[in-house]
């Protein structure tokens, strides 16, 4: 009767554990080699990826090798045909001269028993003879109303025997300029001949004196400045004495 060996011998186990030879290498070294190759591939792959992220490859600019001169000419023609809408830049209008009409109206009669003695009119320290109109003719000592604004200044004066009552429009100055004047300067023979004025600009009161210049006889002659308010301000009220 044949015997069955239930316990394999150590010789059989040793036979199963022996490595198989392929050429001169044994099979158990192949997994190790594969692992090494994978590690090397992973290392160089990560190195390339990092370098690409830090220094990205610039995009290609310009015509490709396949572009022809005809393509370039067509592109230039299309560029030339683009409609460019010009921007309308508003041109500022040059400043225009304006008309300024100033009426000098008696608000307070002067202190002398005789009429006004006045000899010169300046606008911003300049004589404007052609712009002045005196509405009352001089009647004393052979003088003329033109002596108020002639080129002789205070060397000649228009003198009046007749008085100038409150409300009389004595003189008008008409100017054409870019900016309104800042002051008027009037010269009188003495302070007693200087009234208190209302000055209107284009029919609007802009300057008002609350009294005349007093009864003093000197200095002789005497010059007074009438400083106008800034444009846009209201009426300026002045107390001369």
C-alpha atoms as a PDB file:
ATOM      1  CA  UNK A   1       0.000   0.000   0.000  1.00  0.00           C
ATOM      2  CA  UNK A   2       1.331   3.399  -0.979  1.00  0.00           C
ATOM      3  CA  UNK A   3       2.116   5.894   1.860  1.00  0.00           C
ATOM      4  CA  UNK A   4       1.069   9.519   1.655  1.00  0.00           C
ATOM      5  CA  UNK A   5       3.502  12.031   3.173  1.00  0.00           C
ATOM      6  CA  UNK A   6       1.380  14.681   4.941  1.00  0.00           C
ATOM      7  CA  UNK A   7       4.373  16.753   6.107  1.00  0.00           C
ATOM      8  CA  UNK A   8       6.384  18.154   3.212  1.00  0.00           C
ATOM      9  CA  UNK A   9      10.046  17.898   3.723  1.00  0.00           C
ATOM     10  CA  UNK A  10      12.418  20.795   4.057  1.00  0.00           C
ATOM     11  CA  UNK A  11      13.868  19.929   0.718  1.00  0.00           C
ATOM     12  CA  UNK A  12      10.574  20.710  -1.054  1.00  0.00           C
ATOM     13  CA  UNK A  13      10.282  24.127   0.672  1.00  0.00           C
ATOM     14  CA  UNK A  14      13.808  25.053  -0.261  1.00  0.00           C
ATOM     15  CA  UNK A  15      13.077  24.278  -3.857  1.00  0.00           C
ATOM     16  CA  UNK A  16      10.083  26.699  -3.881  1.00  0.00           C
ATOM     17  CA  UNK A  17      12.087  29.548  -2.293  1.00  0.00           C
ATOM     18  CA  UNK A  18      14.936  29.437  -4.731  1.00  0.00           C
ATOM     19  CA  UNK A  19      15.124  32.561  -6.946  1.00  0.00           C
ATOM     20  CA  UNK A  20      14.658  32.177 -10.665  1.00  0.00           C
ATOM     21  CA  UNK A  21      17.592  33.288 -12.758  1.00  0.00           C
ATOM     22  CA  UNK A  22      17.163  35.402 -15.920  1.00  0.00           C
ATOM     23  CA  UNK A  23      20.422  35.569 -17.616  1.00  0.00           C
ATOM     24  CA  UNK A  24      22.934  36.460 -14.999  1.00  0.00           C
ATOM     25  CA  UNK A  25      20.432  38.494 -12.816  1.00  0.00           C
ATOM     26  CA  UNK A  26      17.987  37.055 -10.393  1.00  0.00           C
ATOM     27  CA  UNK A  27      14.267  38.032 -10.598  1.00  0.00           C
ATOM     28  CA  UNK A  28      14.153  39.366  -7.034  1.00  0.00           C
ATOM     29  CA  UNK A  29      16.380  42.311  -8.066  1.00  0.00           C
ATOM     30  CA  UNK A  30      13.961  43.531 -10.793  1.00  0.00           C
ATOM     31  CA  UNK A  31      11.456  45.220  -8.408  1.00  0.00           C
ATOM     32  CA  UNK A  32      14.328  47.092  -6.802  1.00  0.00           C
ATOM     33  CA  UNK A  33      15.545  48.370 -10.176  1.00  0.00           C
ATOM     34  CA  UNK A  34      12.025  49.464 -11.149  1.00  0.00           C
ATOM     35  CA  UNK A  35      11.661  51.355  -7.865  1.00  0.00           C
ATOM     36  CA  UNK A  36      14.970  53.161  -8.450  1.00  0.00           C
ATOM     37  CA  UNK A  37      13.960  54.166 -11.988  1.00  0.00           C
ATOM     38  CA  UNK A  38      10.606  55.488 -10.778  1.00  0.00           C
ATOM     39  CA  UNK A  39      12.310  57.542  -8.076  1.00  0.00           C
ATOM     40  CA  UNK A  40      14.743  59.049 -10.631  1.00  0.00           C
ATOM     41  CA  UNK A  41      11.877  59.879 -13.019  1.00  0.00           C
ATOM     42  CA  UNK A  42       9.893  61.490 -10.214  1.00  0.00           C
ATOM     43  CA  UNK A  43      12.873  63.598  -9.132  1.00  0.00           C
ATOM     44  CA  UNK A  44      13.596  65.000 -12.599  1.00  0.00           C
ATOM     45  CA  UNK A  45       9.897  65.495 -13.279  1.00  0.00           C
ATOM     46  CA  UNK A  46       9.474  67.619 -10.154  1.00  0.00           C
ATOM     47  CA  UNK A  47      12.627  69.590 -11.020  1.00  0.00           C
ATOM     48  CA  UNK A  48      11.290  70.419 -14.504  1.00  0.00           C
ATOM     49  CA  UNK A  49       7.879  71.382 -13.098  1.00  0.00           C
ATOM     50  CA  UNK A  50       9.391  73.781 -10.532  1.00  0.00           C
ATOM     51  CA  UNK A  51      11.610  75.433 -13.155  1.00  0.00           C
ATOM     52  CA  UNK A  52       8.648  75.959 -15.481  1.00  0.00           C
ATOM     53  CA  UNK A  53       6.587  77.607 -12.718  1.00  0.00           C
ATOM     54  CA  UNK A  54       9.376  80.021 -11.761  1.00  0.00           C
ATOM     55  CA  UNK A  55      10.420  80.935 -15.315  1.00  0.00           C
ATOM     56  CA  UNK A  56       7.344  80.521 -17.515  1.00  0.00           C
ATOM     57  CA  UNK A  57       7.910  80.288 -21.229  1.00  0.00           C
ATOM     58  CA  UNK A  58       6.801  83.579 -22.834  1.00  0.00           C
ATOM     59  CA  UNK A  59       4.052  83.374 -25.409  1.00  0.00           C
ATOM     60  CA  UNK A  60       5.004  83.567 -28.998  1.00  0.00           C
ATOM     61  CA  UNK A  61       4.820  87.087 -30.449  1.00  0.00           C
ATOM     62  CA  UNK A  62       4.947  88.007 -34.079  1.00  0.00           C
ATOM     63  CA  UNK A  63       4.158  86.154 -37.249  1.00  0.00           C
ATOM     64  CA  UNK A  64       4.445  82.423 -37.272  1.00  0.00           C
ATOM     65  CA  UNK A  65       6.784  80.727 -39.746  1.00  0.00           C
ATOM     66  CA  UNK A  66       3.763  79.949 -41.906  1.00  0.00           C
ATOM     67  CA  UNK A  67       2.712  83.597 -42.268  1.00  0.00           C
ATOM     68  CA  UNK A  68       3.329  85.166 -45.638  1.00  0.00           C
ATOM     69  CA  UNK A  69       3.919  88.746 -46.735  1.00  0.00           C
ATOM     70  CA  UNK A  70       0.387  88.825 -48.142  1.00  0.00           C
ATOM     71  CA  UNK A  71      -1.009  87.983 -44.714  1.00  0.00           C
ATOM     72  CA  UNK A  72       1.020  90.778 -43.150  1.00  0.00           C
ATOM     73  CA  UNK A  73      -0.149  93.269 -45.778  1.00  0.00           C
ATOM     74  CA  UNK A  74      -3.755  92.240 -45.205  1.00  0.00           C
ATOM     75  CA  UNK A  75      -3.356  92.737 -41.482  1.00  0.00           C
ATOM     76  CA  UNK A  76      -1.899  96.230 -42.007  1.00  0.00           C
ATOM     77  CA  UNK A  77      -4.769  97.111 -44.364  1.00  0.00           C
ATOM     78  CA  UNK A  78      -7.317  96.022 -41.787  1.00  0.00           C
ATOM     79  CA  UNK A  79      -5.559  98.165 -39.171  1.00  0.00           C
ATOM     80  CA  UNK A  80      -5.633 101.194 -41.474  1.00  0.00           C
ATOM     81  CA  UNK A  81      -9.350 100.724 -42.096  1.00  0.00           C
ATOM     82  CA  UNK A  82     -10.260 100.912 -38.402  1.00  0.00           C
ATOM     83  CA  UNK A  83     -12.557 103.889 -37.788  1.00  0.00           C
ATOM     84  CA  UNK A  84     -11.125 106.099 -35.058  1.00  0.00           C
ATOM     85  CA  UNK A  85     -13.622 108.571 -33.672  1.00  0.00           C
ATOM     86  CA  UNK A  86     -11.866 111.857 -32.845  1.00  0.00           C
ATOM     87  CA  UNK A  87     -12.456 113.315 -29.403  1.00  0.00           C
ATOM     88  CA  UNK A  88     -14.017 116.742 -29.555  1.00  0.00           C
ATOM     89  CA  UNK A  89     -12.020 118.920 -27.193  1.00  0.00           C
ATOM     90  CA  UNK A  90     -13.994 122.068 -26.448  1.00  0.00           C
ATOM     91  CA  UNK A  91     -12.080 125.207 -27.280  1.00  0.00           C
ATOM     92  CA  UNK A  92     -12.446 127.787 -24.516  1.00  0.00           C
ATOM     93  CA  UNK A  93     -13.922 131.029 -25.696  1.00  0.00           C
ATOM     94  CA  UNK A  94     -11.600 134.008 -25.485  1.00  0.00           C
ATOM     95  CA  UNK A  95     -12.568 136.569 -22.871  1.00  0.00           C
ATOM     96  CA  UNK A  96     -14.845 139.290 -24.124  1.00  0.00           C
ATOM     97  CA  UNK A  97     -14.853 142.962 -23.235  1.00  0.00           C
ATOM     98  CA  UNK A  98     -17.831 144.085 -21.190  1.00  0.00           C
ATOM     99  CA  UNK A  99     -19.646 147.386 -20.881  1.00  0.00           C
ATOM    100  CA  UNK A 100     -19.559 149.160 -17.531  1.00  0.00           C
ATOM    101  CA  UNK A 101     -21.603 152.325 -17.030  1.00  0.00           C
ATOM    102  CA  UNK A 102     -21.067 154.244 -13.780  1.00  0.00           C
ATOM    103  CA  UNK A 103     -23.369 157.051 -12.682  1.00  0.00           C
ATOM    104  CA  UNK A 104     -22.200 159.463  -9.957  1.00  0.00           C
ATOM    105  CA  UNK A 105     -25.260 160.741  -8.089  1.00  0.00           C
ATOM    106  CA  UNK A 106     -25.303 163.305  -5.289  1.00  0.00           C
ATOM    107  CA  UNK A 107     -26.254 161.531  -2.040  1.00  0.00           C
ATOM    108  CA  UNK A 108     -25.137 164.263   0.424  1.00  0.00           C
ATOM    109  CA  UNK A 109     -24.591 167.854  -0.714  1.00  0.00           C
ATOM    110  CA  UNK A 110     -21.115 169.282  -0.175  1.00  0.00           C
ATOM    111  CA  UNK A 111     -20.500 171.784   2.690  1.00  0.00           C
ATOM    112  CA  UNK A 112     -19.635 174.966   0.740  1.00  0.00           C
ATOM    113  CA  UNK A 113     -22.175 177.683  -0.103  1.00  0.00           C
ATOM    114  CA  UNK A 114     -20.820 177.554  -3.684  1.00  0.00           C
ATOM    115  CA  UNK A 115     -21.120 174.659  -6.086  1.00  0.00           C
ATOM    116  CA  UNK A 116     -18.651 171.795  -6.686  1.00  0.00           C
ATOM    117  CA  UNK A 117     -15.075 172.594  -7.693  1.00  0.00           C
ATOM    118  CA  UNK A 118     -13.716 169.431  -9.321  1.00  0.00           C
ATOM    119  CA  UNK A 119     -10.628 169.018 -11.466  1.00  0.00           C
ATOM    120  CA  UNK A 120      -9.674 165.436 -12.317  1.00  0.00           C
ATOM    121  CA  UNK A 121     -11.092 161.913 -12.743  1.00  0.00           C
ATOM    122  CA  UNK A 122      -9.010 158.718 -12.813  1.00  0.00           C
ATOM    123  CA  UNK A 123     -10.018 155.081 -13.250  1.00  0.00           C
ATOM    124  CA  UNK A 124      -7.543 152.664 -11.673  1.00  0.00           C
ATOM    125  CA  UNK A 125      -5.001 155.531 -11.657  1.00  0.00           C
ATOM    126  CA  UNK A 126      -5.451 156.178 -15.379  1.00  0.00           C
ATOM    127  CA  UNK A 127      -7.045 159.171 -17.049  1.00  0.00           C
ATOM    128  CA  UNK A 128      -9.980 158.178 -19.274  1.00  0.00           C
ATOM    129  CA  UNK A 129     -10.965 161.466 -20.819  1.00  0.00           C
ATOM    130  CA  UNK A 130     -13.035 159.967 -23.652  1.00  0.00           C
ATOM    131  CA  UNK A 131     -15.133 157.945 -21.186  1.00  0.00           C
ATOM    132  CA  UNK A 132     -16.370 160.781 -18.939  1.00  0.00           C
ATOM    133  CA  UNK A 133     -19.519 162.835 -19.422  1.00  0.00           C
ATOM    134  CA  UNK A 134     -20.406 165.673 -17.016  1.00  0.00           C
ATOM    135  CA  UNK A 135     -24.127 166.464 -17.160  1.00  0.00           C
ATOM    136  CA  UNK A 136     -23.995 169.994 -15.671  1.00  0.00           C
ATOM    137  CA  UNK A 137     -22.194 172.860 -17.359  1.00  0.00           C
ATOM    138  CA  UNK A 138     -19.706 174.850 -15.242  1.00  0.00           C
ATOM    139  CA  UNK A 139     -20.834 178.445 -14.578  1.00  0.00           C
ATOM    140  CA  UNK A 140     -18.120 180.115 -12.477  1.00  0.00           C
ATOM    141  CA  UNK A 141     -14.973 181.959 -13.502  1.00  0.00           C
ATOM    142  CA  UNK A 142     -15.248 181.091 -17.166  1.00  0.00           C
ATOM    143  CA  UNK A 143     -14.464 177.433 -16.533  1.00  0.00           C
ATOM    144  CA  UNK A 144     -15.898 174.530 -18.529  1.00  0.00           C
ATOM    145  CA  UNK A 145     -17.187 171.120 -17.567  1.00  0.00           C
ATOM    146  CA  UNK A 146     -14.486 169.589 -19.807  1.00  0.00           C
ATOM    147  CA  UNK A 147     -11.948 170.744 -17.220  1.00  0.00           C
ATOM    148  CA  UNK A 148     -13.126 167.820 -15.073  1.00  0.00           C
ATOM    149  CA  UNK A 149     -11.599 165.236 -17.405  1.00  0.00           C
ATOM    150  CA  UNK A 150      -9.119 167.042 -19.654  1.00  0.00           C
ATOM    151  CA  UNK A 151      -5.491 166.011 -19.900  1.00  0.00           C
ATOM    152  CA  UNK A 152      -4.340 168.849 -17.617  1.00  0.00           C
ATOM    153  CA  UNK A 153      -5.413 167.038 -14.488  1.00  0.00           C
ATOM    154  CA  UNK A 154      -5.935 169.230 -11.418  1.00  0.00           C
ATOM    155  CA  UNK A 155      -4.276 172.195 -13.131  1.00  0.00           C
ATOM    156  CA  UNK A 156      -7.694 173.072 -14.497  1.00  0.00           C
ATOM    157  CA  UNK A 157     -10.998 172.755 -12.633  1.00  0.00           C
ATOM    158  CA  UNK A 158     -14.657 173.031 -13.433  1.00  0.00           C
ATOM    159  CA  UNK A 159     -16.186 175.425 -10.881  1.00  0.00           C
ATOM    160  CA  UNK A 160     -19.854 175.908 -10.147  1.00  0.00           C
ATOM    161  CA  UNK A 161     -21.824 178.732  -8.562  1.00  0.00           C
ATOM    162  CA  UNK A 162     -25.032 176.741  -8.720  1.00  0.00           C
ATOM    163  CA  UNK A 163     -25.437 173.993  -6.153  1.00  0.00           C
ATOM    164  CA  UNK A 164     -25.795 170.287  -6.787  1.00  0.00           C
ATOM    165  CA  UNK A 165     -28.884 168.987  -4.966  1.00  0.00           C
ATOM    166  CA  UNK A 166     -29.390 165.510  -3.544  1.00  0.00           C
ATOM    167  CA  UNK A 167     -30.375 163.052  -6.267  1.00  0.00           C
ATOM    168  CA  UNK A 168     -28.654 164.920  -9.129  1.00  0.00           C
ATOM    169  CA  UNK A 169     -26.799 162.685 -11.603  1.00  0.00           C
ATOM    170  CA  UNK A 170     -23.684 164.787 -11.984  1.00  0.00           C
ATOM    171  CA  UNK A 171     -21.368 162.575 -14.032  1.00  0.00           C
ATOM    172  CA  UNK A 172     -21.295 159.288 -15.994  1.00  0.00           C
ATOM    173  CA  UNK A 173     -18.241 157.182 -16.811  1.00  0.00           C
ATOM    174  CA  UNK A 174     -18.646 154.554 -19.556  1.00  0.00           C
ATOM    175  CA  UNK A 175     -15.997 151.860 -19.886  1.00  0.00           C
ATOM    176  CA  UNK A 176     -15.471 148.859 -22.148  1.00  0.00           C
ATOM    177  CA  UNK A 177     -12.992 146.425 -20.655  1.00  0.00           C
ATOM    178  CA  UNK A 178     -12.440 142.799 -19.653  1.00  0.00           C
ATOM    179  CA  UNK A 179     -12.614 143.403 -15.894  1.00  0.00           C
ATOM    180  CA  UNK A 180     -14.496 145.898 -13.792  1.00  0.00           C
ATOM    181  CA  UNK A 181     -12.387 148.713 -12.321  1.00  0.00           C
ATOM    182  CA  UNK A 182     -11.319 148.571  -8.698  1.00  0.00           C
ATOM    183  CA  UNK A 183     -11.422 152.266  -7.875  1.00  0.00           C
ATOM    184  CA  UNK A 184     -12.148 155.815  -9.010  1.00  0.00           C
ATOM    185  CA  UNK A 185     -10.084 158.835  -7.972  1.00  0.00           C
ATOM    186  CA  UNK A 186     -11.558 162.341  -7.940  1.00  0.00           C
ATOM    187  CA  UNK A 187      -9.725 165.603  -7.259  1.00  0.00           C
ATOM    188  CA  UNK A 188     -11.494 168.593  -5.649  1.00  0.00           C
ATOM    189  CA  UNK A 189     -10.298 172.150  -4.956  1.00  0.00           C
ATOM    190  CA  UNK A 190     -10.884 171.636  -1.203  1.00  0.00           C
ATOM    191  CA  UNK A 191     -12.601 169.043   1.024  1.00  0.00           C
ATOM    192  CA  UNK A 192     -15.606 171.400   1.434  1.00  0.00           C
ATOM    193  CA  UNK A 193     -16.370 171.001  -2.296  1.00  0.00           C
ATOM    194  CA  UNK A 194     -16.634 167.195  -2.188  1.00  0.00           C
ATOM    195  CA  UNK A 195     -20.148 165.725  -1.832  1.00  0.00           C
ATOM    196  CA  UNK A 196     -21.119 162.301  -0.627  1.00  0.00           C
ATOM    197  CA  UNK A 197     -21.759 160.049  -3.642  1.00  0.00           C
ATOM    198  CA  UNK A 198     -23.920 157.175  -4.713  1.00  0.00           C
ATOM    199  CA  UNK A 199     -22.231 155.229  -7.509  1.00  0.00           C
ATOM    200  CA  UNK A 200     -24.334 152.993  -9.723  1.00  0.00           C
ATOM    201  CA  UNK A 201     -22.908 150.296 -11.955  1.00  0.00           C
ATOM    202  CA  UNK A 202     -25.212 149.475 -14.877  1.00  0.00           C
ATOM    203  CA  UNK A 203     -28.139 150.987 -12.887  1.00  0.00           C
ATOM    204  CA  UNK A 204     -27.331 149.020  -9.713  1.00  0.00           C
ATOM    205  CA  UNK A 205     -26.068 150.825  -6.601  1.00  0.00           C
ATOM    206  CA  UNK A 206     -22.670 149.387  -5.644  1.00  0.00           C
ATOM    207  CA  UNK A 207     -21.177 152.245  -3.574  1.00  0.00           C
ATOM    208  CA  UNK A 208     -22.789 154.678  -1.134  1.00  0.00           C
ATOM    209  CA  UNK A 209     -21.312 157.355   1.116  1.00  0.00           C
ATOM    210  CA  UNK A 210     -23.094 158.314   4.311  1.00  0.00           C
ATOM    211  CA  UNK A 211     -21.860 161.937   4.364  1.00  0.00           C
ATOM    212  CA  UNK A 212     -19.864 164.542   2.480  1.00  0.00           C
ATOM    213  CA  UNK A 213     -16.166 165.223   3.113  1.00  0.00           C
ATOM    214  CA  UNK A 214     -16.654 167.973   5.711  1.00  0.00           C
ATOM    215  CA  UNK A 215     -16.084 171.741   5.889  1.00  0.00           C
ATOM    216  CA  UNK A 216     -12.278 171.895   5.876  1.00  0.00           C
ATOM    217  CA  UNK A 217     -10.555 174.345   3.526  1.00  0.00           C
ATOM    218  CA  UNK A 218      -7.427 172.253   3.190  1.00  0.00           C
ATOM    219  CA  UNK A 219      -5.562 170.547   1.818  1.00  0.00           C
ATOM    220  CA  UNK A 220      -5.956 172.245  -1.526  1.00  0.00           C
ATOM    221  CA  UNK A 221      -6.298 170.477  -3.877  1.00  0.00           C
ATOM    222  CA  UNK A 222      -7.383 167.190  -2.334  1.00  0.00           C
ATOM    223  CA  UNK A 223      -7.692 163.754  -3.885  1.00  0.00           C
ATOM    224  CA  UNK A 224     -10.104 160.984  -2.800  1.00  0.00           C
ATOM    225  CA  UNK A 225     -10.171 157.310  -3.742  1.00  0.00           C
ATOM    226  CA  UNK A 226     -13.498 155.522  -4.089  1.00  0.00           C
ATOM    227  CA  UNK A 227     -12.744 151.810  -3.711  1.00  0.00           C
ATOM    228  CA  UNK A 228     -15.400 149.635  -5.339  1.00  0.00           C
ATOM    229  CA  UNK A 229     -16.514 146.285  -3.882  1.00  0.00           C
ATOM    230  CA  UNK A 230     -15.262 143.101  -5.485  1.00  0.00           C
ATOM    231  CA  UNK A 231     -17.402 141.791  -8.305  1.00  0.00           C
ATOM    232  CA  UNK A 232     -20.159 139.605  -6.902  1.00  0.00           C
ATOM    233  CA  UNK A 233     -20.259 141.411  -3.564  1.00  0.00           C
ATOM    234  CA  UNK A 234     -23.141 143.583  -2.511  1.00  0.00           C
ATOM    235  CA  UNK A 235     -23.300 147.324  -2.079  1.00  0.00           C
ATOM    236  CA  UNK A 236     -20.406 148.948  -0.249  1.00  0.00           C
ATOM    237  CA  UNK A 237     -21.351 151.611   2.315  1.00  0.00           C
ATOM    238  CA  UNK A 238     -18.640 154.081   3.370  1.00  0.00           C
ATOM    239  CA  UNK A 239     -18.493 156.779   6.062  1.00  0.00           C
ATOM    240  CA  UNK A 240     -15.985 159.341   4.718  1.00  0.00           C
ATOM    241  CA  UNK A 241     -15.717 161.434   7.931  1.00  0.00           C
END
